[in-house]
Amino acid sequence: TGKNVQNYMAIVLDDKVMGQPPVIIQAIGAR
């Protein structure tokens, strides 16, 4: 996520994108 700040992150399950991808606002760790 640190490399992709301000990019969109698709959440994929069974080769389908689940809803519109959210924007990565900041590097995210374990939480």
Full PDB file with SEQRES, HELIX, SHEET, SSBOND, CRYST1, ORIGX, SCALE, CONECT and MASTER records, all heavy atoms in Angstrom:
SEQRES   1 A   31  THR GLY LYS ASN VAL GLN ASN TYR MET ALA ILE VAL LEU          
SEQRES   2 A   31  ASP ASP LYS VAL MET GLY GLN PRO PRO VAL ILE ILE GLN          
SEQRES   3 A   31  ALA ILE GLY ALA ARG                                          
HELIX    1 AA1 GLY A    2  ASN A    4  5                                   3    
SHEET    1 AA1 2 VAL A  12  LEU A  13  0                                        
SHEET    2 AA1 2 LYS A  16  VAL A  17 -1                                        
CRYST1    1.000    1.000    1.000  90.00  90.00  90.00 P 1           1          
ORIGX1      1.000000  0.000000  0.000000        0.00000                         
ORIGX2      0.000000  1.000000  0.000000        0.00000                         
ORIGX3      0.000000  0.000000  1.000000        0.00000                         
SCALE1      1.000000  0.000000  0.000000        0.00000                         
SCALE2      0.000000  1.000000  0.000000        0.00000                         
SCALE3      0.000000  0.000000  1.000000        0.00000                         
ATOM      1  N   THR A   1       0.833  -1.203   0.000  1.00  0.00           N  
ATOM      2  CA  THR A   1       0.000   0.000   0.000  1.00  0.00           C  
ATOM      3  C   THR A   1       0.866   1.252   0.000  1.00  0.00           C  
ATOM      4  O   THR A   1       0.484   2.270  -0.562  1.00  0.00           O  
ATOM      5  CB  THR A   1      -0.986   0.025   1.188  1.00  0.00           C  
ATOM      6  OG1 THR A   1      -0.265  -0.120   2.423  1.00  0.00           O  
ATOM      7  CG2 THR A   1      -2.034  -1.065   1.056  1.00  0.00           C  
ATOM      8  N   GLY A   2       2.053   1.175   0.601  1.00  0.00           N  
ATOM      9  CA  GLY A   2       2.979   2.311   0.570  1.00  0.00           C  
ATOM     10  C   GLY A   2       3.407   2.657  -0.849  1.00  0.00           C  
ATOM     11  O   GLY A   2       3.635   3.816  -1.182  1.00  0.00           O  
ATOM     12  N   LYS A   3       3.509   1.638  -1.710  1.00  0.00           N  
ATOM     13  CA  LYS A   3       3.887   1.860  -3.107  1.00  0.00           C  
ATOM     14  C   LYS A   3       2.713   2.353  -3.948  1.00  0.00           C  
ATOM     15  O   LYS A   3       2.914   2.804  -5.073  1.00  0.00           O  
ATOM     16  CB  LYS A   3       4.387   0.553  -3.728  1.00  0.00           C  
ATOM     17  CG  LYS A   3       5.635  -0.017  -3.134  1.00  0.00           C  
ATOM     18  CD  LYS A   3       5.918  -1.358  -3.784  1.00  0.00           C  
ATOM     19  CE  LYS A   3       6.901  -2.180  -2.986  1.00  0.00           C  
ATOM     20  NZ  LYS A   3       7.016  -3.546  -3.517  1.00  0.00           N  
ATOM     21  N   ASN A   4       1.495   2.206  -3.439  1.00  0.00           N  
ATOM     22  CA  ASN A   4       0.302   2.479  -4.251  1.00  0.00           C  
ATOM     23  C   ASN A   4      -0.630   3.523  -3.650  1.00  0.00           C  
ATOM     24  O   ASN A   4      -1.836   3.504  -3.917  1.00  0.00           O  
ATOM     25  CB  ASN A   4      -0.469   1.167  -4.474  1.00  0.00           C  
ATOM     26  CG  ASN A   4       0.267   0.243  -5.403  1.00  0.00           C  
ATOM     27  OD1 ASN A   4       0.350   0.500  -6.588  1.00  0.00           O  
ATOM     28  ND2 ASN A   4       0.818  -0.823  -4.847  1.00  0.00           N  
ATOM     29  N   VAL A   5      -0.094   4.451  -2.853  1.00  0.00           N  
ATOM     30  CA  VAL A   5      -0.925   5.513  -2.282  1.00  0.00           C  
ATOM     31  C   VAL A   5      -1.558   6.313  -3.414  1.00  0.00           C  
ATOM     32  O   VAL A   5      -0.912   6.615  -4.422  1.00  0.00           O  
ATOM     33  CB  VAL A   5      -0.078   6.419  -1.350  1.00  0.00           C  
ATOM     34  CG1 VAL A   5      -0.864   7.637  -0.903  1.00  0.00           C  
ATOM     35  CG2 VAL A   5       0.403   5.623  -0.145  1.00  0.00           C  
ATOM     36  N   GLN A   6      -2.832   6.630  -3.281  1.00  0.00           N  
ATOM     37  CA  GLN A   6      -3.669   7.339  -4.254  1.00  0.00           C  
ATOM     38  C   GLN A   6      -4.071   6.481  -5.452  1.00  0.00           C  
ATOM     39  O   GLN A   6      -4.666   6.984  -6.397  1.00  0.00           O  
ATOM     40  CB  GLN A   6      -3.018   8.651  -4.717  1.00  0.00           C  
ATOM     41  CG  GLN A   6      -2.832   9.661  -3.599  1.00  0.00           C  
ATOM     42  CD  GLN A   6      -4.146  10.008  -2.887  1.00  0.00           C  
ATOM     43  OE1 GLN A   6      -5.150  10.251  -3.516  1.00  0.00           O  
ATOM     44  NE2 GLN A   6      -4.116  10.020  -1.562  1.00  0.00           N  
ATOM     45  N   ASN A   7      -3.772   5.202  -5.435  1.00  0.00           N  
ATOM     46  CA  ASN A   7      -4.256   4.286  -6.465  1.00  0.00           C  
ATOM     47  C   ASN A   7      -5.484   3.557  -5.928  1.00  0.00           C  
ATOM     48  O   ASN A   7      -5.749   3.556  -4.728  1.00  0.00           O  
ATOM     49  CB  ASN A   7      -3.183   3.261  -6.842  1.00  0.00           C  
ATOM     50  CG  ASN A   7      -2.066   3.878  -7.653  1.00  0.00           C  
ATOM     51  OD1 ASN A   7      -2.258   4.882  -8.328  1.00  0.00           O  
ATOM     52  ND2 ASN A   7      -0.894   3.280  -7.577  1.00  0.00           N  
ATOM     53  N   TYR A   8      -6.203   2.903  -6.819  1.00  0.00           N  
ATOM     54  CA  TYR A   8      -7.375   2.127  -6.429  1.00  0.00           C  
ATOM     55  C   TYR A   8      -6.957   0.687  -6.150  1.00  0.00           C  
ATOM     56  O   TYR A   8      -6.043   0.171  -6.780  1.00  0.00           O  
ATOM     57  CB  TYR A   8      -8.426   2.160  -7.544  1.00  0.00           C  
ATOM     58  CG  TYR A   8      -9.012   3.538  -7.724  1.00  0.00           C  
ATOM     59  CD1 TYR A   8      -8.411   4.474  -8.557  1.00  0.00           C  
ATOM     60  CD2 TYR A   8     -10.158   3.909  -7.050  1.00  0.00           C  
ATOM     61  CE1 TYR A   8      -8.938   5.741  -8.712  1.00  0.00           C  
ATOM     62  CE2 TYR A   8     -10.693   5.174  -7.196  1.00  0.00           C  
ATOM     63  CZ  TYR A   8     -10.083   6.081  -8.028  1.00  0.00           C  
ATOM     64  OH  TYR A   8     -10.612   7.332  -8.176  1.00  0.00           O  
ATOM     65  N   MET A   9      -7.646   0.051  -5.205  1.00  0.00           N  
ATOM     66  CA  MET A   9      -7.325  -1.327  -4.824  1.00  0.00           C  
ATOM     67  C   MET A   9      -8.577  -2.178  -4.984  1.00  0.00           C  
ATOM     68  O   MET A   9      -9.543  -2.025  -4.234  1.00  0.00           O  
ATOM     69  CB  MET A   9      -6.846  -1.365  -3.372  1.00  0.00           C  
ATOM     70  CG  MET A   9      -6.521  -2.760  -2.895  1.00  0.00           C  
ATOM     71  SD  MET A   9      -6.010  -2.790  -1.165  1.00  0.00           S  
ATOM     72  CE  MET A   9      -7.500  -2.266  -0.351  1.00  0.00           C  
ATOM     73  N   ALA A  10      -8.567  -3.050  -5.965  1.00  0.00           N  
ATOM     74  CA  ALA A  10      -9.719  -3.921  -6.204  1.00  0.00           C  
ATOM     75  C   ALA A  10      -9.734  -5.050  -5.185  1.00  0.00           C  
ATOM     76  O   ALA A  10      -8.695  -5.618  -4.856  1.00  0.00           O  
ATOM     77  CB  ALA A  10      -9.659  -4.489  -7.614  1.00  0.00           C  
ATOM     78  N   ILE A  11     -10.914  -5.366  -4.705  1.00  0.00           N  
ATOM     79  CA  ILE A  11     -11.113  -6.512  -3.825  1.00  0.00           C  
ATOM     80  C   ILE A  11     -11.757  -7.587  -4.691  1.00  0.00           C  
ATOM     81  O   ILE A  11     -12.852  -7.400  -5.219  1.00  0.00           O  
ATOM     82  CB  ILE A  11     -11.997  -6.131  -2.633  1.00  0.00           C  
ATOM     83  CG1 ILE A  11     -11.316  -5.026  -1.827  1.00  0.00           C  
ATOM     84  CG2 ILE A  11     -12.283  -7.357  -1.776  1.00  0.00           C  
ATOM     85  CD1 ILE A  11     -12.206  -4.344  -0.826  1.00  0.00           C  
ATOM     86  N   VAL A  12     -11.053  -8.702  -4.857  1.00  0.00           N  
ATOM     87  CA  VAL A  12     -11.464  -9.728  -5.806  1.00  0.00           C  
ATOM     88  C   VAL A  12     -11.779 -11.023  -5.069  1.00  0.00           C  
ATOM     89  O   VAL A  12     -11.009 -11.467  -4.222  1.00  0.00           O  
ATOM     90  CB  VAL A  12     -10.353  -9.978  -6.855  1.00  0.00           C  
ATOM     91  CG1 VAL A  12     -10.730 -11.069  -7.829  1.00  0.00           C  
ATOM     92  CG2 VAL A  12     -10.015  -8.690  -7.590  1.00  0.00           C  
ATOM     93  N   LEU A  13     -12.928 -11.603  -5.393  1.00  0.00           N  
ATOM     94  CA  LEU A  13     -13.325 -12.905  -4.874  1.00  0.00           C  
ATOM     95  C   LEU A  13     -13.883 -13.704  -6.036  1.00  0.00           C  
ATOM     96  O   LEU A  13     -14.768 -13.223  -6.757  1.00  0.00           O  
ATOM     97  CB  LEU A  13     -14.379 -12.761  -3.765  1.00  0.00           C  
ATOM     98  CG  LEU A  13     -14.893 -14.063  -3.156  1.00  0.00           C  
ATOM     99  CD1 LEU A  13     -13.775 -14.775  -2.387  1.00  0.00           C  
ATOM    100  CD2 LEU A  13     -16.076 -13.802  -2.241  1.00  0.00           C  
ATOM    101  N   ASP A  14     -13.362 -14.907  -6.244  1.00  0.00           N  
ATOM    102  CA  ASP A  14     -13.804 -15.778  -7.331  1.00  0.00           C  
ATOM    103  C   ASP A  14     -13.746 -15.073  -8.693  1.00  0.00           C  
ATOM    104  O   ASP A  14     -14.674 -15.148  -9.496  1.00  0.00           O  
ATOM    105  CB  ASP A  14     -15.221 -16.303  -7.074  1.00  0.00           C  
ATOM    106  CG  ASP A  14     -15.298 -17.184  -5.845  1.00  0.00           C  
ATOM    107  OD1 ASP A  14     -14.270 -17.789  -5.494  1.00  0.00           O  
ATOM    108  OD2 ASP A  14     -16.382 -17.261  -5.239  1.00  0.00           O  
ATOM    109  N   ASP A  15     -12.653 -14.367  -8.940  1.00  0.00           N  
ATOM    110  CA  ASP A  15     -12.416 -13.659 -10.203  1.00  0.00           C  
ATOM    111  C   ASP A  15     -13.459 -12.607 -10.526  1.00  0.00           C  
ATOM    112  O   ASP A  15     -13.716 -12.295 -11.686  1.00  0.00           O  
ATOM    113  CB  ASP A  15     -12.285 -14.645 -11.373  1.00  0.00           C  
ATOM    114  CG  ASP A  15     -11.021 -15.469 -11.280  1.00  0.00           C  
ATOM    115  OD1 ASP A  15     -10.015 -14.952 -10.763  1.00  0.00           O  
ATOM    116  OD2 ASP A  15     -11.029 -16.626 -11.728  1.00  0.00           O  
ATOM    117  N   LYS A  16     -14.071 -12.021  -9.517  1.00  0.00           N  
ATOM    118  CA  LYS A  16     -15.017 -10.911  -9.685  1.00  0.00           C  
ATOM    119  C   LYS A  16     -14.598  -9.787  -8.740  1.00  0.00           C  
ATOM    120  O   LYS A  16     -14.234 -10.028  -7.592  1.00  0.00           O  
ATOM    121  CB  LYS A  16     -16.442 -11.345  -9.364  1.00  0.00           C  
ATOM    122  CG  LYS A  16     -16.977 -12.388 -10.328  1.00  0.00           C  
ATOM    123  CD  LYS A  16     -18.446 -12.241 -10.502  1.00  0.00           C  
ATOM    124  CE  LYS A  16     -19.049 -13.265 -11.415  1.00  0.00           C  
ATOM    125  NZ  LYS A  16     -18.471 -13.411 -12.692  1.00  0.00           N  
ATOM    126  N   VAL A  17     -14.655  -8.562  -9.241  1.00  0.00           N  
ATOM    127  CA  VAL A  17     -14.338  -7.394  -8.423  1.00  0.00           C  
ATOM    128  C   VAL A  17     -15.572  -7.066  -7.590  1.00  0.00           C  
ATOM    129  O   VAL A  17     -16.664  -6.874  -8.117  1.00  0.00           O  
ATOM    130  CB  VAL A  17     -13.916  -6.199  -9.303  1.00  0.00           C  
ATOM    131  CG1 VAL A  17     -13.685  -4.955  -8.462  1.00  0.00           C  
ATOM    132  CG2 VAL A  17     -12.662  -6.547 -10.095  1.00  0.00           C  
ATOM    133  N   MET A  18     -15.382  -7.007  -6.287  1.00  0.00           N  
ATOM    134  CA  MET A  18     -16.487  -6.810  -5.352  1.00  0.00           C  
ATOM    135  C   MET A  18     -16.673  -5.318  -5.092  1.00  0.00           C  
ATOM    136  O   MET A  18     -15.975  -4.727  -4.281  1.00  0.00           O  
ATOM    137  CB  MET A  18     -16.221  -7.548  -4.037  1.00  0.00           C  
ATOM    138  CG  MET A  18     -15.856  -9.018  -4.221  1.00  0.00           C  
ATOM    139  SD  MET A  18     -16.982  -9.966  -5.253  1.00  0.00           S  
ATOM    140  CE  MET A  18     -18.412 -10.037  -4.236  1.00  0.00           C  
ATOM    141  N   GLY A  19     -17.600  -4.705  -5.792  1.00  0.00           N  
ATOM    142  CA  GLY A  19     -17.879  -3.281  -5.617  1.00  0.00           C  
ATOM    143  C   GLY A  19     -16.801  -2.423  -6.235  1.00  0.00           C  
ATOM    144  O   GLY A  19     -15.775  -2.906  -6.707  1.00  0.00           O  
ATOM    145  N   GLN A  20     -17.038  -1.118  -6.244  1.00  0.00           N  
ATOM    146  CA  GLN A  20     -16.059  -0.199  -6.819  1.00  0.00           C  
ATOM    147  C   GLN A  20     -14.822  -0.148  -5.929  1.00  0.00           C  
ATOM    148  O   GLN A  20     -14.923   0.009  -4.717  1.00  0.00           O  
ATOM    149  CB  GLN A  20     -16.655   1.193  -6.969  1.00  0.00           C  
ATOM    150  CG  GLN A  20     -15.803   2.085  -7.826  1.00  0.00           C  
ATOM    151  CD  GLN A  20     -16.468   3.407  -8.123  1.00  0.00           C  
ATOM    152  OE1 GLN A  20     -16.940   4.060  -7.210  1.00  0.00           O  
ATOM    153  NE2 GLN A  20     -16.519   3.782  -9.387  1.00  0.00           N  
ATOM    154  N   PRO A  21     -13.644  -0.297  -6.511  1.00  0.00           N  
ATOM    155  CA  PRO A  21     -12.411  -0.314  -5.710  1.00  0.00           C  
ATOM    156  C   PRO A  21     -12.198   0.977  -4.927  1.00  0.00           C  
ATOM    157  O   PRO A  21     -12.388   2.066  -5.458  1.00  0.00           O  
ATOM    158  CB  PRO A  21     -11.314  -0.492  -6.757  1.00  0.00           C  
ATOM    159  CG  PRO A  21     -11.997  -1.145  -7.907  1.00  0.00           C  
ATOM    160  CD  PRO A  21     -13.387  -0.570  -7.918  1.00  0.00           C  
ATOM    161  N   PRO A  22     -11.812   0.857  -3.645  1.00  0.00           N  
ATOM    162  CA  PRO A  22     -11.503   2.054  -2.852  1.00  0.00           C  
ATOM    163  C   PRO A  22     -10.105   2.590  -3.167  1.00  0.00           C  
ATOM    164  O   PRO A  22      -9.263   1.877  -3.699  1.00  0.00           O  
ATOM    165  CB  PRO A  22     -11.574   1.539  -1.414  1.00  0.00           C  
ATOM    166  CG  PRO A  22     -11.245   0.082  -1.513  1.00  0.00           C  
ATOM    167  CD  PRO A  22     -11.762  -0.369  -2.859  1.00  0.00           C  
ATOM    168  N   VAL A  23      -9.872   3.846  -2.809  1.00  0.00           N  
ATOM    169  CA  VAL A  23      -8.576   4.498  -2.991  1.00  0.00           C  
ATOM    170  C   VAL A  23      -7.714   4.228  -1.751  1.00  0.00           C  
ATOM    171  O   VAL A  23      -8.204   4.292  -0.626  1.00  0.00           O  
ATOM    172  CB  VAL A  23      -8.743   6.025  -3.165  1.00  0.00           C  
ATOM    173  CG1 VAL A  23      -7.398   6.725  -3.250  1.00  0.00           C  
ATOM    174  CG2 VAL A  23      -9.565   6.335  -4.389  1.00  0.00           C  
ATOM    175  N   ILE A  24      -6.439   3.949  -1.975  1.00  0.00           N  
ATOM    176  CA  ILE A  24      -5.500   3.802  -0.861  1.00  0.00           C  
ATOM    177  C   ILE A  24      -5.063   5.204  -0.464  1.00  0.00           C  
ATOM    178  O   ILE A  24      -4.434   5.909  -1.246  1.00  0.00           O  
ATOM    179  CB  ILE A  24      -4.284   2.944  -1.257  1.00  0.00           C  
ATOM    180  CG1 ILE A  24      -4.747   1.535  -1.681  1.00  0.00           C  
ATOM    181  CG2 ILE A  24      -3.277   2.881  -0.116  1.00  0.00           C  
ATOM    182  CD1 ILE A  24      -3.658   0.694  -2.293  1.00  0.00           C  
ATOM    183  N   ILE A  25      -5.405   5.617   0.755  1.00  0.00           N  
ATOM    184  CA  ILE A  25      -5.098   6.973   1.211  1.00  0.00           C  
ATOM    185  C   ILE A  25      -3.720   7.047   1.844  1.00  0.00           C  
ATOM    186  O   ILE A  25      -3.014   8.029   1.705  1.00  0.00           O  
ATOM    187  CB  ILE A  25      -6.182   7.458   2.195  1.00  0.00           C  
ATOM    188  CG1 ILE A  25      -7.518   7.525   1.456  1.00  0.00           C  
ATOM    189  CG2 ILE A  25      -5.827   8.805   2.794  1.00  0.00           C  
ATOM    190  CD1 ILE A  25      -8.701   7.823   2.326  1.00  0.00           C  
ATOM    191  N   GLN A  26      -3.330   6.002   2.544  1.00  0.00           N  
ATOM    192  CA  GLN A  26      -2.015   5.972   3.188  1.00  0.00           C  
ATOM    193  C   GLN A  26      -1.571   4.528   3.302  1.00  0.00           C  
ATOM    194  O   GLN A  26      -2.369   3.624   3.132  1.00  0.00           O  
ATOM    195  CB  GLN A  26      -2.078   6.621   4.573  1.00  0.00           C  
ATOM    196  CG  GLN A  26      -2.980   5.864   5.541  1.00  0.00           C  
ATOM    197  CD  GLN A  26      -3.177   6.613   6.845  1.00  0.00           C  
ATOM    198  OE1 GLN A  26      -3.115   7.814   6.878  1.00  0.00           O  
ATOM    199  NE2 GLN A  26      -3.413   5.886   7.906  1.00  0.00           N  
ATOM    200  N   ALA A  27      -0.278   4.318   3.587  1.00  0.00           N  
ATOM    201  CA  ALA A  27       0.227   2.966   3.788  1.00  0.00           C  
ATOM    202  C   ALA A  27      -0.501   2.355   4.979  1.00  0.00           C  
ATOM    203  O   ALA A  27      -0.649   2.992   6.012  1.00  0.00           O  
ATOM    204  CB  ALA A  27       1.728   2.986   4.023  1.00  0.00           C  
ATOM    205  N   ILE A  28      -0.979   1.150   4.797  1.00  0.00           N  
ATOM    206  CA  ILE A  28      -1.772   0.478   5.823  1.00  0.00           C  
ATOM    207  C   ILE A  28      -0.991  -0.733   6.303  1.00  0.00           C  
ATOM    208  O   ILE A  28      -0.479  -1.500   5.495  1.00  0.00           O  
ATOM    209  CB  ILE A  28      -3.133   0.035   5.245  1.00  0.00           C  
ATOM    210  CG1 ILE A  28      -3.871   1.233   4.663  1.00  0.00           C  
ATOM    211  CG2 ILE A  28      -3.972  -0.655   6.301  1.00  0.00           C  
ATOM    212  CD1 ILE A  28      -5.047   0.859   3.788  1.00  0.00           C  
ATOM    213  N   GLY A  29      -0.942  -0.929   7.595  1.00  0.00           N  
ATOM    214  CA  GLY A  29      -0.247  -2.076   8.161  1.00  0.00           C  
ATOM    215  C   GLY A  29      -1.196  -3.207   8.469  1.00  0.00           C  
ATOM    216  O   GLY A  29      -2.045  -3.576   7.672  1.00  0.00           O  
ATOM    217  N   ALA A  30      -1.068  -3.758   9.682  1.00  0.00           N  
ATOM    218  CA  ALA A  30      -1.868  -4.914  10.075  1.00  0.00           C  
ATOM    219  C   ALA A  30      -3.330  -4.558  10.292  1.00  0.00           C  
ATOM    220  O   ALA A  30      -4.194  -5.413  10.189  1.00  0.00           O  
ATOM    221  CB  ALA A  30      -1.291  -5.539  11.340  1.00  0.00           C  
ATOM    222  N   ARG A  31      -3.626  -3.307  10.609  1.00  0.00           N  
ATOM    223  CA  ARG A  31      -5.009  -2.862  10.796  1.00  0.00           C  
ATOM    224  C   ARG A  31      -5.318  -1.754   9.801  1.00  0.00           C  
ATOM    225  O   ARG A  31      -4.496  -0.891   9.557  1.00  0.00           O  
ATOM    226  CB  ARG A  31      -5.221  -2.316  12.206  1.00  0.00           C  
ATOM    227  CG  ARG A  31      -5.130  -3.356  13.273  1.00  0.00           C  
ATOM    228  CD  ARG A  31      -5.331  -2.720  14.652  1.00  0.00           C  
ATOM    229  NE  ARG A  31      -5.303  -3.726  15.664  1.00  0.00           N  
ATOM    230  CZ  ARG A  31      -6.375  -4.395  16.094  1.00  0.00           C  
ATOM    231  NH1 ARG A  31      -7.561  -4.115  15.609  1.00  0.00           N  
ATOM    232  NH2 ARG A  31      -6.274  -5.313  17.020  1.00  0.00           N  
TER     233      ARG A  31                                                      
MASTER        0    0    0    1    2    0    0    6  232    1    0    3          
END                                                                             
